[in-house]
Structures are given as C-alpha cells and as structure tokens.
Protein backbone atom coordinates (compact mmCIF):
# COMPACT_ATOMS: atom_id res chain seq x y z
CA MET A 1 31.28 -87.63 -109.64
CA ALA A 2 30.59 -84.12 -110.76
CA ILE A 3 26.57 -82.72 -111.79
CA GLY A 4 25.97 -84.22 -114.86
CA TYR A 5 24.33 -86.90 -116.41
CA PRO A 6 26.39 -90.31 -114.84
CA GLU A 7 27.97 -92.11 -117.63
CA SER A 8 25.76 -95.42 -117.02
CA MET A 9 23.09 -96.53 -114.48
CA ASP A 10 25.39 -99.36 -114.05
CA GLN A 11 28.14 -96.19 -112.79
CA LEU A 12 25.53 -94.13 -111.05
CA PHE A 13 24.17 -96.91 -109.16
CA SER A 14 28.05 -98.19 -108.30
CA ASP A 15 28.50 -94.18 -106.72
CA LEU A 16 25.63 -94.33 -104.64
CA GLY A 17 26.65 -97.59 -103.21
CA ASN A 18 24.09 -99.80 -105.00
CA VAL A 19 21.23 -98.93 -103.25
CA PRO A 20 17.71 -100.60 -104.53
CA VAL A 21 16.11 -98.63 -107.54
CA SER A 22 13.01 -98.32 -105.70
CA ARG A 23 14.97 -95.60 -103.79
CA VAL A 24 16.69 -92.99 -106.73
CA ILE A 25 14.35 -90.65 -107.89
CA MET A 26 13.98 -90.60 -111.82
CA GLU A 27 12.66 -86.68 -112.17
CA PRO A 28 14.56 -84.99 -112.09
CA ALA A 29 16.94 -87.09 -114.06
CA PRO A 30 19.85 -88.58 -111.89
CA GLY A 31 23.01 -86.54 -112.01
CA THR A 32 20.83 -83.13 -112.47
CA ALA A 33 19.28 -82.18 -108.92
CA THR A 34 19.48 -79.27 -107.26
CA LYS A 35 19.20 -78.06 -103.68
CA GLN A 36 15.96 -76.35 -104.67
CA ASP A 37 14.87 -79.89 -106.59
CA TRP A 38 15.35 -81.26 -103.18
CA ILE A 39 13.14 -78.67 -101.10
CA GLU A 40 10.64 -79.24 -103.42
CA ILE A 41 10.28 -83.45 -103.06
CA CYS A 42 10.66 -83.20 -99.76
CA GLN A 43 9.16 -80.35 -98.48
CA ASN A 44 6.12 -80.24 -101.26
CA GLN A 45 5.81 -83.72 -102.06
CA ARG A 46 6.76 -84.98 -98.65
CA ARG A 47 8.94 -87.68 -99.85
CA LEU A 48 12.27 -88.03 -97.31
CA CYS A 49 14.96 -87.51 -99.67
CA GLU A 50 19.30 -87.34 -99.33
CA LEU A 51 21.36 -85.59 -102.22
CA VAL A 52 24.33 -86.88 -103.65
CA ASP A 53 26.01 -86.15 -107.13
CA GLY A 54 22.98 -84.38 -108.33
CA THR A 55 20.60 -87.28 -107.66
CA LEU A 56 17.74 -87.52 -104.84
CA VAL A 57 17.88 -91.05 -102.96
CA GLU A 58 14.75 -92.14 -100.68
CA LYS A 59 15.77 -92.52 -96.69
CA PRO A 60 14.52 -95.45 -96.04
CA MET A 61 11.72 -95.46 -93.69
CA GLY A 62 10.64 -98.64 -91.13
CA TRP A 63 8.49 -98.78 -87.74
CA LEU A 64 11.40 -100.34 -86.16
CA GLU A 65 14.01 -97.89 -86.99
CA SER A 66 11.78 -94.69 -85.66
CA PHE A 67 11.24 -96.70 -82.47
CA ILE A 68 14.81 -96.90 -82.15
CA GLY A 69 16.11 -93.50 -83.47
CA MET A 70 13.28 -92.00 -81.05
CA LEU A 71 14.48 -93.30 -77.90
CA LEU A 72 18.30 -92.51 -78.81
CA GLY A 73 17.01 -89.49 -79.73
CA ARG A 74 14.78 -88.69 -76.60
CA TRP A 75 17.67 -90.14 -74.10
CA LEU A 76 19.99 -87.69 -75.95
CA GLY A 77 18.06 -84.72 -76.37
CA ASN A 78 17.40 -84.63 -72.24
CA PHE A 79 21.05 -84.85 -72.03
CA VAL A 80 21.92 -82.28 -74.45
CA GLU A 81 19.37 -79.60 -72.92
CA SER A 82 20.07 -80.63 -69.15
CA ARG A 83 23.72 -79.46 -69.88
CA ASN A 84 22.66 -76.75 -72.66
CA LEU A 85 25.60 -77.64 -75.32
CA GLY A 86 23.72 -77.36 -78.20
CA ILE A 87 20.39 -79.26 -80.32
CA VAL A 88 19.58 -82.33 -81.32
CA THR A 89 17.55 -83.18 -84.68
CA GLY A 90 16.10 -86.24 -86.23
CA ALA A 91 15.29 -88.21 -88.93
CA ASP A 92 14.12 -85.24 -90.97
CA GLY A 93 17.01 -83.20 -89.87
CA PHE A 94 18.22 -82.38 -92.94
CA SER A 95 21.40 -80.57 -93.64
CA GLU A 96 24.00 -79.75 -96.53
CA LEU A 97 27.47 -81.03 -94.82
CA TYR A 98 29.15 -79.28 -98.19
CA SER A 99 28.14 -78.07 -101.64
CA GLY A 100 25.68 -80.69 -103.48
CA VAL A 101 25.62 -83.41 -100.39
CA VAL A 102 22.44 -82.90 -98.58
CA ARG A 103 22.19 -85.48 -95.66
CA GLY A 104 19.57 -86.90 -92.81
CA PRO A 105 20.77 -88.90 -90.02
CA ASP A 106 18.09 -90.38 -88.05
CA VAL A 107 19.37 -88.68 -85.07
CA ALA A 108 22.17 -85.07 -84.50
CA PHE A 109 24.00 -83.36 -81.66
CA ILE A 110 25.09 -79.97 -83.05
CA SER A 111 27.12 -78.27 -80.64
CA TRP A 112 26.07 -74.12 -80.18
CA GLU A 113 29.04 -73.60 -81.49
CA ARG A 114 28.50 -74.86 -84.55
CA LEU A 115 24.97 -73.10 -85.50
CA PRO A 116 25.52 -70.34 -87.50
CA ASP A 117 25.62 -67.13 -85.42
CA GLY A 118 25.14 -69.63 -82.49
CA LYS A 119 21.00 -69.72 -83.36
CA ILE A 120 18.36 -71.89 -84.40
CA PRO A 121 18.46 -72.16 -88.52
CA THR A 122 15.26 -71.90 -89.97
CA SER A 123 16.47 -72.63 -93.38
CA PRO A 124 14.81 -75.98 -94.57
CA VAL A 125 18.32 -77.53 -95.58
CA PRO A 126 20.85 -75.05 -93.19
CA THR A 127 24.87 -75.62 -93.91
CA ILE A 128 25.71 -77.35 -90.40
CA VAL A 129 28.23 -80.27 -90.00
CA PRO A 130 26.84 -82.35 -86.70
CA ASN A 131 29.42 -83.22 -83.96
CA PHE A 132 28.08 -86.60 -83.21
CA VAL A 133 25.07 -88.46 -85.70
CA ILE A 134 23.44 -91.95 -85.31
CA GLU A 135 22.02 -93.99 -88.00
CA VAL A 136 19.62 -96.59 -87.63
CA LEU A 137 20.23 -99.22 -90.08
CA SER A 138 17.36 -100.34 -92.32
CA LEU A 139 16.80 -103.59 -94.44
CA SER A 140 17.25 -101.48 -97.73
CA ASN A 141 20.48 -100.06 -96.43
CA THR A 142 23.42 -101.36 -98.32
CA TYR A 143 26.89 -101.36 -97.09
CA GLY A 144 28.29 -99.34 -100.04
CA GLU A 145 25.91 -96.84 -99.10
CA MET A 146 26.65 -96.59 -95.60
CA SER A 147 30.61 -96.81 -95.98
CA ARG A 148 29.75 -93.85 -98.61
CA LYS A 149 27.65 -92.02 -96.24
CA ARG A 150 30.49 -92.55 -93.35
CA ARG A 151 32.93 -90.86 -95.49
CA GLU A 152 31.10 -87.95 -96.38
CA TYR A 153 29.99 -87.35 -92.22
CA PHE A 154 34.07 -87.59 -91.28
CA GLN A 155 35.35 -85.47 -94.15
CA ALA A 156 32.85 -82.57 -93.21
CA GLY A 157 33.53 -82.63 -89.99
CA VAL A 158 31.57 -85.13 -88.06
CA GLU A 159 33.92 -86.29 -84.75
CA LEU A 160 31.91 -89.49 -84.06
CA ALA A 161 29.18 -91.80 -85.73
CA TRP A 162 27.04 -94.87 -84.84
CA PHE A 163 25.36 -97.25 -86.89
CA VAL A 164 22.98 -99.21 -85.16
CA ASP A 165 21.92 -101.86 -86.20
CA PRO A 166 18.14 -103.19 -84.38
CA ARG A 167 18.48 -106.62 -85.57
CA ASN A 168 21.75 -107.45 -84.89
CA ARG A 169 21.42 -105.03 -81.50
CA THR A 170 24.86 -104.01 -82.22
CA ILE A 171 26.27 -100.38 -82.50
CA ALA A 172 29.60 -99.74 -84.38
CA ALA A 173 31.19 -96.20 -82.85
CA TYR A 174 33.12 -94.62 -85.61
CA HIS A 175 35.63 -92.24 -84.81
CA SER A 176 36.95 -92.15 -88.64
CA SER A 177 35.37 -93.47 -91.74
CA THR A 178 37.05 -96.39 -91.25
CA LYS A 179 38.05 -97.07 -87.48
CA TYR A 180 35.40 -98.41 -85.35
CA ARG A 181 34.52 -100.52 -82.24
CA LEU A 182 31.51 -102.71 -82.74
CA ILE A 183 29.48 -102.82 -79.29
CA ARG A 184 26.72 -105.68 -78.73
CA GLU A 185 23.59 -105.94 -76.75
CA GLY A 186 24.74 -105.85 -72.90
CA GLU A 187 28.42 -103.23 -73.21
CA MET A 188 28.93 -100.12 -72.37
CA ILE A 189 29.06 -97.46 -75.23
CA ASP A 190 29.83 -93.83 -74.50
CA ALA A 191 29.68 -90.55 -76.85
CA ALA A 192 33.58 -89.75 -76.37
CA PRO A 193 35.07 -87.57 -77.64
CA VAL A 194 32.07 -85.80 -78.29
CA LEU A 195 29.73 -86.14 -74.87
CA PRO A 196 31.81 -88.48 -72.85
CA ASP A 197 29.52 -88.32 -70.11
CA TRP A 198 26.84 -89.56 -72.45
CA ARG A 199 27.00 -93.07 -71.79
CA PHE A 200 24.61 -96.29 -71.10
CA ASN A 201 24.47 -100.03 -71.46
CA THR A 202 22.77 -101.36 -74.33
CA ASP A 203 20.81 -103.53 -72.83
CA GLU A 204 18.97 -100.52 -71.72
CA LEU A 205 18.60 -99.75 -75.34
CA PHE A 206 17.98 -103.15 -77.00
CA SER A 207 15.73 -104.64 -74.23
CA LYS A 208 13.00 -102.24 -75.22
CA LEU A 209 12.81 -104.57 -78.54
CA ASP A 210 11.28 -107.29 -76.07
CA GLN A 211 8.68 -105.31 -74.12
CA GLU A 212 5.22 -106.35 -73.93
CA LYS A 213 1.72 -105.01 -72.63
CA PRO A 214 2.14 -105.28 -68.85
CA ASN A 215 -0.32 -107.48 -67.38
C-alpha cells in the first residue's frame, strides 16, 4: 500500500496483519505517518512503535517476552563480542529496512560489513538491515502480522529469523519468509548460516522459565 489514507479501516487492518485496534496509533492518521512522526512518538512520547505503510503500530510489551529477549541478547552479544563480529541490539534497536518501513526486532545481530562505514550509527533510526533477527512472540502478535514481518525482513536482506514462542517453548528458525525448521524444547539450535558456531540446547533457554528462588 502506498503512503496515504487507506481505502477502509478493514483494508488497513487486513494489510497490517489484523493487529489489535488498541495497538494502532490514530494520530497521525493511519496511512499518513512519516519517519519524523515515528521519531516524535518513540523518542518524545516514549512509545515503542513500528512504521508500516504510513501507519504507526505499537510493539506489544510483556515481562516474559523481555526476560527471554534479554537472555538471548546477552548470550548472542557475548558470542559476537568475543569474536568481534559486529554488534547486537535489543528491543528498541529500530532500523529502516527500506523506505517507509521501520521495524524493531527484539534482538538483532548486525555485522560490521552492514554498518554504514563500519561504524555504530548515531541516528535514532538508521537505514540498516540486520543479518539475523529474533522475535519473541507476545499474546497480541497475530499470524498475519508476523507473516508480513517475515516477508519484509527477507525482502530487505535478513538471512535468518528466529520466532520464539515462550509459551509453547518452541523456536521457528526461518531461512526465508516461508522455509523454516521448528525446534522444540530439548533440541539443539544453531544460527547457521549467519553464525553457525553459535549453538545451544533449547532446554538451556526454556528451563529458565521454571527457575525458583534457591533454598
């Protein structure tokens, strides 16, 4: 859809993947928002949003999702830093994948080669395509929303995308917008072809959800 007023609200929500109405920002009007509007909402009003088809859509937030995202981000960050491969960003590491599309995966790895001039950008929303992204699914994420997000990631040049379901304790590892492998709790996972040496048993991750205070 080109930037401009949607033909109808039904069409708008269908194009967005039928996200809940509560997550769509109505000011500025859907279909008319720009990257500058995104900066105003996210930086000045402190609301985490993505920009899609000229529409600002709030990212769902949750304690469980943050916990899993931080774990994965720390493990991945330690691996990347120890080998000086690039940088790892968290849930507010937004980037413009291509004109008019701003996305913020929960965790992202960007190699030095993909950073402008090989340097860490200072722009609030740089034009960068991560090599590898991780999304931790929230209850308000819809199938259509995540399908669209996958298409955009791979069209932009992302090489690997993990969609982590903390409630079902699975990770869907996508190598294209449609081709994936479902890894269940207790199975090994690796980040090939991007980071083939980063691997772990998913039980190491999901067992953290069962932790209790030690006696």
